[in-house]
Every structure is written in structure tokens, then in C-alpha cells.
Amino acid sequence: MTRSRAQAGIDEDDGAAGEAPAIRVHLDELLAQRGMTLTELSARMDVTIVNLSILKNGRARAIRFTTMARLCEALNCQPGDLLSYQPSARIAR
């Protein structure tokens, strides 16, 4: 049985701000390094492929620590392997 988006702990960005997110998710790279598909990760975590796709494609605006911990367990990685911060190029006024 798969979990809903709210239960999965992933909130989708509505794109209203129109800016690139400052936090980058490296799920694609981690999956490739491990020879794992999104489908396999979905089964290991009991999270829908749609929810993982939202995260993978950079459309997530939030993730619960419990979901992050489950991702790290399934991918055998640390949170810093999964996420990085890229400062905005905008100049503060």
C-alpha cells in the first residue's frame, strides 16, 4: 500500500515565486550511482513514484525529517549527499 503525498512528507511547490530553488536535490545522481530506479526506491520506502518524482525534479518545497531519514536509509547516504544549497544570484535591495 502506498502513501498519500501528505503522509509521505513531501509538499509540492506551486511555482508561484518563479525562482529556481536554492536547495538542490541530488536524487537522480544517487540513484544512478547505486544502479537503482525510482520504482525500486518507491517500493523500498513505500512512497509513491509521483511523490518521489516531485522531489527528484526539484518541485518539492518541503520534506519531513522522517522522510529524509527513510531516503537516507534506502540510499545508504547522509542528508548532505541528498541536498545542497545554491545561493540565489539576485542582489538584495
PDB file of N, CA and C in Angstrom:
ATOM      1  N   MET A   1       0.845  -1.181   0.000  1.00  0.00           N
ATOM      2  CA  MET A   1       0.000   0.000   0.000  1.00  0.00           C
ATOM      3  C   MET A   1       0.891   1.245   0.000  1.00  0.00           C
ATOM      4  N   THR A   2       0.625   2.156  -0.898  1.00  0.00           N
ATOM      5  CA  THR A   2       1.423   3.368  -0.968  1.00  0.00           C
ATOM      6  C   THR A   2       0.769   4.477  -0.166  1.00  0.00           C
ATOM      7  N   ARG A   3       1.571   5.473   0.132  1.00  0.00           N
ATOM      8  CA  ARG A   3       1.107   6.556   0.991  1.00  0.00           C
ATOM      9  C   ARG A   3       0.775   7.780   0.175  1.00  0.00           C
ATOM     10  N   SER A   4      -0.142   8.615   0.711  1.00  0.00           N
ATOM     11  CA  SER A   4      -0.501   9.862   0.044  1.00  0.00           C
ATOM     12  C   SER A   4       0.639  10.857   0.167  1.00  0.00           C
ATOM     13  N   ARG A   5       0.570  11.950  -0.597  1.00  0.00           N
ATOM     14  CA  ARG A   5       1.614  12.973  -0.572  1.00  0.00           C
ATOM     15  C   ARG A   5       1.786  13.523   0.838  1.00  0.00           C
ATOM     16  N   ALA A   6       0.696  13.806   1.526  1.00  0.00           N
ATOM     17  CA  ALA A   6       0.790  14.348   2.885  1.00  0.00           C
ATOM     18  C   ALA A   6       1.436  13.331   3.815  1.00  0.00           C
ATOM     19  N   GLN A   7       1.084  12.067   3.679  1.00  0.00           N
ATOM     20  CA  GLN A   7       1.670  11.039   4.520  1.00  0.00           C
ATOM     21  C   GLN A   7       3.135  10.816   4.187  1.00  0.00           C
ATOM     22  N   ALA A   8       3.500  11.024   2.934  1.00  0.00           N
ATOM     23  CA  ALA A   8       4.878  10.805   2.503  1.00  0.00           C
ATOM     24  C   ALA A   8       5.809  11.886   3.028  1.00  0.00           C
ATOM     25  N   GLY A   9       5.283  13.023   3.417  1.00  0.00           N
ATOM     26  CA  GLY A   9       6.108  14.097   3.949  1.00  0.00           C
ATOM     27  C   GLY A   9       6.775  14.935   2.886  1.00  0.00           C
ATOM     28  N   ILE A  10       6.164  15.008   1.691  1.00  0.00           N
ATOM     29  CA  ILE A  10       6.694  15.817   0.602  1.00  0.00           C
ATOM     30  C   ILE A  10       5.611  16.775   0.160  1.00  0.00           C
ATOM     31  N   ASP A  11       5.911  18.080   0.179  1.00  0.00           N
ATOM     32  CA  ASP A  11       4.976  19.096  -0.291  1.00  0.00           C
ATOM     33  C   ASP A  11       5.466  19.619  -1.623  1.00  0.00           C
ATOM     34  N   GLU A  12       4.541  19.720  -2.609  1.00  0.00           N
ATOM     35  CA  GLU A  12       4.915  20.180  -3.935  1.00  0.00           C
ATOM     36  C   GLU A  12       4.879  21.694  -4.009  1.00  0.00           C
ATOM     37  N   ASP A  13       5.872  22.268  -4.706  1.00  0.00           N
ATOM     38  CA  ASP A  13       5.953  23.706  -4.934  1.00  0.00           C
ATOM     39  C   ASP A  13       4.975  24.080  -6.025  1.00  0.00           C
ATOM     40  N   ASP A  14       4.200  25.146  -5.802  1.00  0.00           N
ATOM     41  CA  ASP A  14       3.221  25.576  -6.800  1.00  0.00           C
ATOM     42  C   ASP A  14       3.846  26.450  -7.877  1.00  0.00           C
ATOM     43  N   GLY A  15       5.120  26.782  -7.740  1.00  0.00           N
ATOM     44  CA  GLY A  15       5.831  27.555  -8.756  1.00  0.00           C
ATOM     45  C   GLY A  15       5.479  29.028  -8.773  1.00  0.00           C
ATOM     46  N   ALA A  16       4.778  29.523  -7.777  1.00  0.00           N
ATOM     47  CA  ALA A  16       4.317  30.904  -7.758  1.00  0.00           C
ATOM     48  C   ALA A  16       5.463  31.914  -7.724  1.00  0.00           C
ATOM     49  N   ALA A  17       6.541  31.584  -7.064  1.00  0.00           N
ATOM     50  CA  ALA A  17       7.632  32.541  -6.917  1.00  0.00           C
ATOM     51  C   ALA A  17       8.396  32.755  -8.220  1.00  0.00           C
ATOM     52  N   GLY A  18       8.433  31.752  -9.088  1.00  0.00           N
ATOM     53  CA  GLY A  18       9.101  31.877 -10.364  1.00  0.00           C
ATOM     54  C   GLY A  18      10.624  31.875 -10.283  1.00  0.00           C
ATOM     55  N   GLU A  19      11.194  31.537  -9.142  1.00  0.00           N
ATOM     56  CA  GLU A  19      12.637  31.482  -8.974  1.00  0.00           C
ATOM     57  C   GLU A  19      13.097  30.039  -8.886  1.00  0.00           C
ATOM     58  N   ALA A  20      14.337  29.815  -9.262  1.00  0.00           N
ATOM     59  CA  ALA A  20      14.923  28.490  -9.074  1.00  0.00           C
ATOM     60  C   ALA A  20      15.112  28.264  -7.576  1.00  0.00           C
ATOM     61  N   PRO A  21      14.852  27.068  -7.097  1.00  0.00           N
ATOM     62  CA  PRO A  21      15.007  26.811  -5.665  1.00  0.00           C
ATOM     63  C   PRO A  21      16.471  26.871  -5.245  1.00  0.00           C
ATOM     64  N   ALA A  22      16.705  27.355  -4.037  1.00  0.00           N
ATOM     65  CA  ALA A  22      18.064  27.462  -3.515  1.00  0.00           C
ATOM     66  C   ALA A  22      18.581  26.104  -3.047  1.00  0.00           C
ATOM     67  N   ILE A  23      17.683  25.196  -2.712  1.00  0.00           N
ATOM     68  CA  ILE A  23      18.065  23.859  -2.278  1.00  0.00           C
ATOM     69  C   ILE A  23      17.939  22.916  -3.469  1.00  0.00           C
ATOM     70  N   ARG A  24      19.009  22.212  -3.783  1.00  0.00           N
ATOM     71  CA  ARG A  24      19.009  21.281  -4.906  1.00  0.00           C
ATOM     72  C   ARG A  24      19.000  19.860  -4.367  1.00  0.00           C
ATOM     73  N   VAL A  25      18.156  19.007  -4.962  1.00  0.00           N
ATOM     74  CA  VAL A  25      18.041  17.607  -4.576  1.00  0.00           C
ATOM     75  C   VAL A  25      18.842  16.768  -5.566  1.00  0.00           C
ATOM     76  N   HIS A  26      19.691  15.904  -5.062  1.00  0.00           N
ATOM     77  CA  HIS A  26      20.579  15.090  -5.890  1.00  0.00           C
ATOM     78  C   HIS A  26      20.095  13.639  -5.996  1.00  0.00           C
ATOM     79  N   LEU A  27      18.789  13.452  -6.029  1.00  0.00           N
ATOM     80  CA  LEU A  27      18.225  12.101  -6.056  1.00  0.00           C
ATOM     81  C   LEU A  27      18.626  11.359  -7.326  1.00  0.00           C
ATOM     82  N   ASP A  28      18.587  12.020  -8.470  1.00  0.00           N
ATOM     83  CA  ASP A  28      18.987  11.385  -9.733  1.00  0.00           C
ATOM     84  C   ASP A  28      20.406  10.822  -9.652  1.00  0.00           C
ATOM     85  N   GLU A  29      21.321  11.637  -9.153  1.00  0.00           N
ATOM     86  CA  GLU A  29      22.711  11.229  -9.075  1.00  0.00           C
ATOM     87  C   GLU A  29      22.893  10.040  -8.131  1.00  0.00           C
ATOM     88  N   LEU A  30      22.234  10.090  -6.986  1.00  0.00           N
ATOM     89  CA  LEU A  30      22.353   8.995  -6.019  1.00  0.00           C
ATOM     90  C   LEU A  30      21.771   7.703  -6.572  1.00  0.00           C
ATOM     91  N   LEU A  31      20.632   7.803  -7.251  1.00  0.00           N
ATOM     92  CA  LEU A  31      20.030   6.609  -7.855  1.00  0.00           C
ATOM     93  C   LEU A  31      20.964   6.021  -8.916  1.00  0.00           C
ATOM     94  N   ALA A  32      21.539   6.868  -9.756  1.00  0.00           N
ATOM     95  CA  ALA A  32      22.442   6.402 -10.810  1.00  0.00           C
ATOM     96  C   ALA A  32      23.675   5.729 -10.209  1.00  0.00           C
ATOM     97  N   GLN A  33      24.245   6.326  -9.163  1.00  0.00           N
ATOM     98  CA  GLN A  33      25.434   5.756  -8.521  1.00  0.00           C
ATOM     99  C   GLN A  33      25.154   4.373  -7.945  1.00  0.00           C
ATOM    100  N   ARG A  34      23.903   4.158  -7.535  1.00  0.00           N
ATOM    101  CA  ARG A  34      23.543   2.896  -6.895  1.00  0.00           C
ATOM    102  C   ARG A  34      22.888   1.913  -7.863  1.00  0.00           C
ATOM    103  N   GLY A  35      22.712   2.328  -9.107  1.00  0.00           N
ATOM    104  CA  GLY A  35      22.065   1.460 -10.088  1.00  0.00           C
ATOM    105  C   GLY A  35      20.634   1.139  -9.711  1.00  0.00           C
ATOM    106  N   MET A  36      19.961   2.099  -9.082  1.00  0.00           N
ATOM    107  CA  MET A  36      18.606   1.911  -8.579  1.00  0.00           C
ATOM    108  C   MET A  36      17.636   2.775  -9.377  1.00  0.00           C
ATOM    109  N   THR A  37      16.442   2.268  -9.592  1.00  0.00           N
ATOM    110  CA  THR A  37      15.410   3.043 -10.276  1.00  0.00           C
ATOM    111  C   THR A  37      14.506   3.729  -9.258  1.00  0.00           C
ATOM    112  N   LEU A  38      13.771   4.703  -9.727  1.00  0.00           N
ATOM    113  CA  LEU A  38      12.793   5.381  -8.877  1.00  0.00           C
ATOM    114  C   LEU A  38      11.721   4.391  -8.415  1.00  0.00           C
ATOM    115  N   THR A  39      11.381   3.447  -9.275  1.00  0.00           N
ATOM    116  CA  THR A  39      10.397   2.414  -8.930  1.00  0.00           C
ATOM    117  C   THR A  39      10.897   1.555  -7.776  1.00  0.00           C
ATOM    118  N   GLU A  40      12.160   1.171  -7.820  1.00  0.00           N
ATOM    119  CA  GLU A  40      12.732   0.367  -6.741  1.00  0.00           C
ATOM    120  C   GLU A  40      12.781   1.156  -5.440  1.00  0.00           C
ATOM    121  N   LEU A  41      13.188   2.423  -5.514  1.00  0.00           N
ATOM    122  CA  LEU A  41      13.214   3.269  -4.324  1.00  0.00           C
ATOM    123  C   LEU A  41      11.819   3.430  -3.743  1.00  0.00           C
ATOM    124  N   SER A  42      10.839   3.619  -4.614  1.00  0.00           N
ATOM    125  CA  SER A  42       9.451   3.750  -4.186  1.00  0.00           C
ATOM    126  C   SER A  42       9.001   2.515  -3.405  1.00  0.00           C
ATOM    127  N   ALA A  43       9.340   1.349  -3.905  1.00  0.00           N
ATOM    128  CA  ALA A  43       8.965   0.107  -3.228  1.00  0.00           C
ATOM    129  C   ALA A  43       9.683  -0.044  -1.889  1.00  0.00           C
ATOM    130  N   ARG A  44      10.958   0.324  -1.840  1.00  0.00           N
ATOM    131  CA  ARG A  44      11.720   0.217  -0.591  1.00  0.00           C
ATOM    132  C   ARG A  44      11.190   1.158   0.485  1.00  0.00           C
ATOM    133  N   MET A  45      10.712   2.329   0.065  1.00  0.00           N
ATOM    134  CA  MET A  45      10.272   3.353   1.015  1.00  0.00           C
ATOM    135  C   MET A  45       8.775   3.341   1.273  1.00  0.00           C
ATOM    136  N   ASP A  46       8.004   2.663   0.426  1.00  0.00           N
ATOM    137  CA  ASP A  46       6.542   2.703   0.472  1.00  0.00           C
ATOM    138  C   ASP A  46       6.038   4.138   0.305  1.00  0.00           C
ATOM    139  N   VAL A  47       6.606   4.821  -0.690  1.00  0.00           N
ATOM    140  CA  VAL A  47       6.199   6.168  -1.084  1.00  0.00           C
ATOM    141  C   VAL A  47       5.908   6.100  -2.574  1.00  0.00           C
ATOM    142  N   THR A  48       4.881   6.804  -3.031  1.00  0.00           N
ATOM    143  CA  THR A  48       4.515   6.722  -4.440  1.00  0.00           C
ATOM    144  C   THR A  48       5.618   7.277  -5.339  1.00  0.00           C
ATOM    145  N   ILE A  49       5.668   6.757  -6.544  1.00  0.00           N
ATOM    146  CA  ILE A  49       6.616   7.251  -7.540  1.00  0.00           C
ATOM    147  C   ILE A  49       6.357   8.728  -7.822  1.00  0.00           C
ATOM    148  N   VAL A  50       5.084   9.129  -7.831  1.00  0.00           N
ATOM    149  CA  VAL A  50       4.734  10.536  -8.077  1.00  0.00           C
ATOM    150  C   VAL A  50       5.378  11.431  -7.027  1.00  0.00           C
ATOM    151  N   ASN A  51       5.291  11.048  -5.765  1.00  0.00           N
ATOM    152  CA  ASN A  51       5.881  11.863  -4.700  1.00  0.00           C
ATOM    153  C   ASN A  51       7.403  11.919  -4.802  1.00  0.00           C
ATOM    154  N   LEU A  52       8.024  10.807  -5.119  1.00  0.00           N
ATOM    155  CA  LEU A  52       9.476  10.808  -5.288  1.00  0.00           C
ATOM    156  C   LEU A  52       9.878  11.612  -6.520  1.00  0.00           C
ATOM    157  N   SER A  53       9.056  11.573  -7.551  1.00  0.00           N
ATOM    158  CA  SER A  53       9.321  12.339  -8.762  1.00  0.00           C
ATOM    159  C   SER A  53       9.275  13.842  -8.476  1.00  0.00           C
ATOM    160  N   ILE A  54       8.329  14.265  -7.649  1.00  0.00           N
ATOM    161  CA  ILE A  54       8.245  15.679  -7.238  1.00  0.00           C
ATOM    162  C   ILE A  54       9.549  16.102  -6.585  1.00  0.00           C
ATOM    163  N   LEU A  55      10.066  15.259  -5.726  1.00  0.00           N
ATOM    164  CA  LEU A  55      11.331  15.543  -5.048  1.00  0.00           C
ATOM    165  C   LEU A  55      12.487  15.527  -6.049  1.00  0.00           C
ATOM    166  N   LYS A  56      12.536  14.516  -6.884  1.00  0.00           N
ATOM    167  CA  LYS A  56      13.633  14.341  -7.849  1.00  0.00           C
ATOM    168  C   LYS A  56      13.708  15.488  -8.846  1.00  0.00           C
ATOM    169  N   ASN A  57      12.553  16.003  -9.248  1.00  0.00           N
ATOM    170  CA  ASN A  57      12.511  17.050 -10.267  1.00  0.00           C
ATOM    171  C   ASN A  57      12.594  18.465  -9.700  1.00  0.00           C
ATOM    172  N   GLY A  58      12.863  18.587  -8.412  1.00  0.00           N
ATOM    173  CA  GLY A  58      13.063  19.902  -7.810  1.00  0.00           C
ATOM    174  C   GLY A  58      11.785  20.686  -7.578  1.00  0.00           C
ATOM    175  N   ARG A  59      10.645  20.016  -7.559  1.00  0.00           N
ATOM    176  CA  ARG A  59       9.378  20.722  -7.343  1.00  0.00           C
ATOM    177  C   ARG A  59       8.907  20.642  -5.888  1.00  0.00           C
ATOM    178  N   ALA A  60       9.668  19.959  -5.053  1.00  0.00           N
ATOM    179  CA  ALA A  60       9.290  19.856  -3.641  1.00  0.00           C
ATOM    180  C   ALA A  60       9.644  21.157  -2.931  1.00  0.00           C
ATOM    181  N   ARG A  61       8.765  21.607  -2.050  1.00  0.00           N
ATOM    182  CA  ARG A  61       9.071  22.804  -1.262  1.00  0.00           C
ATOM    183  C   ARG A  61       9.336  22.461   0.194  1.00  0.00           C
ATOM    184  N   ALA A  62       9.059  21.218   0.575  1.00  0.00           N
ATOM    185  CA  ALA A  62       9.304  20.781   1.952  1.00  0.00           C
ATOM    186  C   ALA A  62       9.433  19.264   1.981  1.00  0.00           C
ATOM    187  N   ILE A  63      10.172  18.797   2.978  1.00  0.00           N
ATOM    188  CA  ILE A  63      10.293  17.361   3.208  1.00  0.00           C
ATOM    189  C   ILE A  63      10.423  17.146   4.709  1.00  0.00           C
ATOM    190  N   ARG A  64       9.733  16.172   5.235  1.00  0.00           N
ATOM    191  CA  ARG A  64       9.814  15.875   6.666  1.00  0.00           C
ATOM    192  C   ARG A  64      11.128  15.171   6.976  1.00  0.00           C
ATOM    193  N   PHE A  65      11.609  15.364   8.187  1.00  0.00           N
ATOM    194  CA  PHE A  65      12.828  14.687   8.612  1.00  0.00           C
ATOM    195  C   PHE A  65      12.656  13.175   8.567  1.00  0.00           C
ATOM    196  N   THR A  66      11.474  12.679   8.888  1.00  0.00           N
ATOM    197  CA  THR A  66      11.246  11.233   8.850  1.00  0.00           C
ATOM    198  C   THR A  66      11.376  10.705   7.421  1.00  0.00           C
ATOM    199  N   THR A  67      10.895  11.484   6.451  1.00  0.00           N
ATOM    200  CA  THR A  67      11.032  11.088   5.047  1.00  0.00           C
ATOM    201  C   THR A  67      12.492  11.149   4.637  1.00  0.00           C
ATOM    202  N   MET A  68      13.197  12.188   5.067  1.00  0.00           N
ATOM    203  CA  MET A  68      14.627  12.313   4.770  1.00  0.00           C
ATOM    204  C   MET A  68      15.389  11.128   5.348  1.00  0.00           C
ATOM    205  N   ALA A  69      15.064  10.745   6.566  1.00  0.00           N
ATOM    206  CA  ALA A  69      15.726   9.612   7.207  1.00  0.00           C
ATOM    207  C   ALA A  69      15.468   8.321   6.426  1.00  0.00           C
ATOM    208  N   ARG A  70      14.244   8.131   5.958  1.00  0.00           N
ATOM    209  CA  ARG A  70      13.914   6.931   5.179  1.00  0.00           C
ATOM    210  C   ARG A  70      14.648   6.930   3.842  1.00  0.00           C
ATOM    211  N   LEU A  71      14.770   8.104   3.204  1.00  0.00           N
ATOM    212  CA  LEU A  71      15.537   8.207   1.964  1.00  0.00           C
ATOM    213  C   LEU A  71      17.001   7.835   2.220  1.00  0.00           C
ATOM    214  N   CYS A  72      17.566   8.391   3.284  1.00  0.00           N
ATOM    215  CA  CYS A  72      18.961   8.111   3.616  1.00  0.00           C
ATOM    216  C   CYS A  72      19.176   6.627   3.911  1.00  0.00           C
ATOM    217  N   GLU A  73      18.227   6.022   4.587  1.00  0.00           N
ATOM    218  CA  GLU A  73      18.333   4.591   4.884  1.00  0.00           C
ATOM    219  C   GLU A  73      18.267   3.773   3.591  1.00  0.00           C
ATOM    220  N   ALA A  74      17.308   4.081   2.734  1.00  0.00           N
ATOM    221  CA  ALA A  74      17.127   3.324   1.492  1.00  0.00           C
ATOM    222  C   ALA A  74      18.296   3.510   0.536  1.00  0.00           C
ATOM    223  N   LEU A  75      18.912   4.709   0.544  1.00  0.00           N
ATOM    224  CA  LEU A  75      20.013   5.016  -0.375  1.00  0.00           C
ATOM    225  C   LEU A  75      21.385   4.858   0.269  1.00  0.00           C
ATOM    226  N   ASN A  76      21.398   4.516   1.565  1.00  0.00           N
ATOM    227  CA  ASN A  76      22.647   4.383   2.314  1.00  0.00           C
ATOM    228  C   ASN A  76      23.510   5.630   2.134  1.00  0.00           C
ATOM    229  N   CYS A  77      22.930   6.782   2.507  1.00  0.00           N
ATOM    230  CA  CYS A  77      23.626   8.055   2.339  1.00  0.00           C
ATOM    231  C   CYS A  77      23.354   8.965   3.535  1.00  0.00           C
ATOM    232  N   GLN A  78      23.965  10.119   3.519  1.00  0.00           N
ATOM    233  CA  GLN A  78      23.748  11.151   4.524  1.00  0.00           C
ATOM    234  C   GLN A  78      22.884  12.259   3.915  1.00  0.00           C
ATOM    235  N   PRO A  79      22.169  13.054   4.737  1.00  0.00           N
ATOM    236  CA  PRO A  79      21.353  14.151   4.191  1.00  0.00           C
ATOM    237  C   PRO A  79      22.146  15.088   3.285  1.00  0.00           C
ATOM    238  N   GLY A  80      23.400  15.350   3.613  1.00  0.00           N
ATOM    239  CA  GLY A  80      24.234  16.221   2.791  1.00  0.00           C
ATOM    240  C   GLY A  80      24.545  15.646   1.420  1.00  0.00           C
ATOM    241  N   ASP A  81      24.441  14.325   1.276  1.00  0.00           N
ATOM    242  CA  ASP A  81      24.617  13.695  -0.038  1.00  0.00           C
ATOM    243  C   ASP A  81      23.394  13.946  -0.911  1.00  0.00           C
ATOM    244  N   LEU A  82      22.257  14.108  -0.280  1.00  0.00           N
ATOM    245  CA  LEU A  82      20.985  14.239  -0.976  1.00  0.00           C
ATOM    246  C   LEU A  82      20.642  15.686  -1.319  1.00  0.00           C
ATOM    247  N   LEU A  83      21.071  16.631  -0.482  1.00  0.00           N
ATOM    248  CA  LEU A  83      20.712  18.040  -0.653  1.00  0.00           C
ATOM    249  C   LEU A  83      21.948  18.929  -0.693  1.00  0.00           C
ATOM    250  N   SER A  84      21.863  20.020  -1.445  1.00  0.00           N
ATOM    251  CA  SER A  84      22.898  21.057  -1.397  1.00  0.00           C
ATOM    252  C   SER A  84      22.216  22.417  -1.524  1.00  0.00           C
ATOM    253  N   TYR A  85      22.902  23.429  -1.043  1.00  0.00           N
ATOM    254  CA  TYR A  85      22.400  24.798  -1.087  1.00  0.00           C
ATOM    255  C   TYR A  85      23.133  25.568  -2.169  1.00  0.00           C
ATOM    256  N   GLN A  86      22.368  26.253  -3.033  1.00  0.00           N
ATOM    257  CA  GLN A  86      22.945  27.104  -4.064  1.00  0.00           C
ATOM    258  C   GLN A  86      22.361  28.496  -3.882  1.00  0.00           C
ATOM    259  N   PRO A  87      23.181  29.443  -3.444  1.00  0.00           N
ATOM    260  CA  PRO A  87      22.669  30.797  -3.212  1.00  0.00           C
ATOM    261  C   PRO A  87      22.100  31.417  -4.487  1.00  0.00           C
ATOM    262  N   SER A  88      21.119  32.251  -4.300  1.00  0.00           N
ATOM    263  CA  SER A  88      20.492  32.950  -5.412  1.00  0.00           C
ATOM    264  C   SER A  88      21.457  33.978  -5.981  1.00  0.00           C
ATOM    265  N   ALA A  89      21.327  34.225  -7.269  1.00  0.00           N
ATOM    266  CA  ALA A  89      22.164  35.238  -7.921  1.00  0.00           C
ATOM    267  C   ALA A  89      21.570  36.639  -7.780  1.00  0.00           C
ATOM    268  N   ARG A  90      20.369  36.721  -7.186  1.00  0.00           N
ATOM    269  CA  ARG A  90      19.717  38.027  -7.015  1.00  0.00           C
ATOM    270  C   ARG A  90      20.497  38.888  -6.042  1.00  0.00           C
ATOM    271  N   ILE A  91      20.471  40.172  -6.271  1.00  0.00           N
ATOM    272  CA  ILE A  91      21.106  41.135  -5.390  1.00  0.00           C
ATOM    273  C   ILE A  91      20.049  41.669  -4.431  1.00  0.00           C
ATOM    274  N   ALA A  92      20.337  41.590  -3.123  1.00  0.00           N
ATOM    275  CA  ALA A  92      19.390  42.086  -2.126  1.00  0.00           C
ATOM    276  C   ALA A  92      19.331  43.605  -2.194  1.00  0.00           C
ATOM    277  N   ARG A  93      18.140  44.131  -2.037  1.00  0.00           N
ATOM    278  CA  ARG A  93      17.967  45.592  -2.076  1.00  0.00           C
ATOM    279  C   ARG A  93      17.610  46.128  -0.726  1.00  0.00           C
TER     280      ARG A  93
END
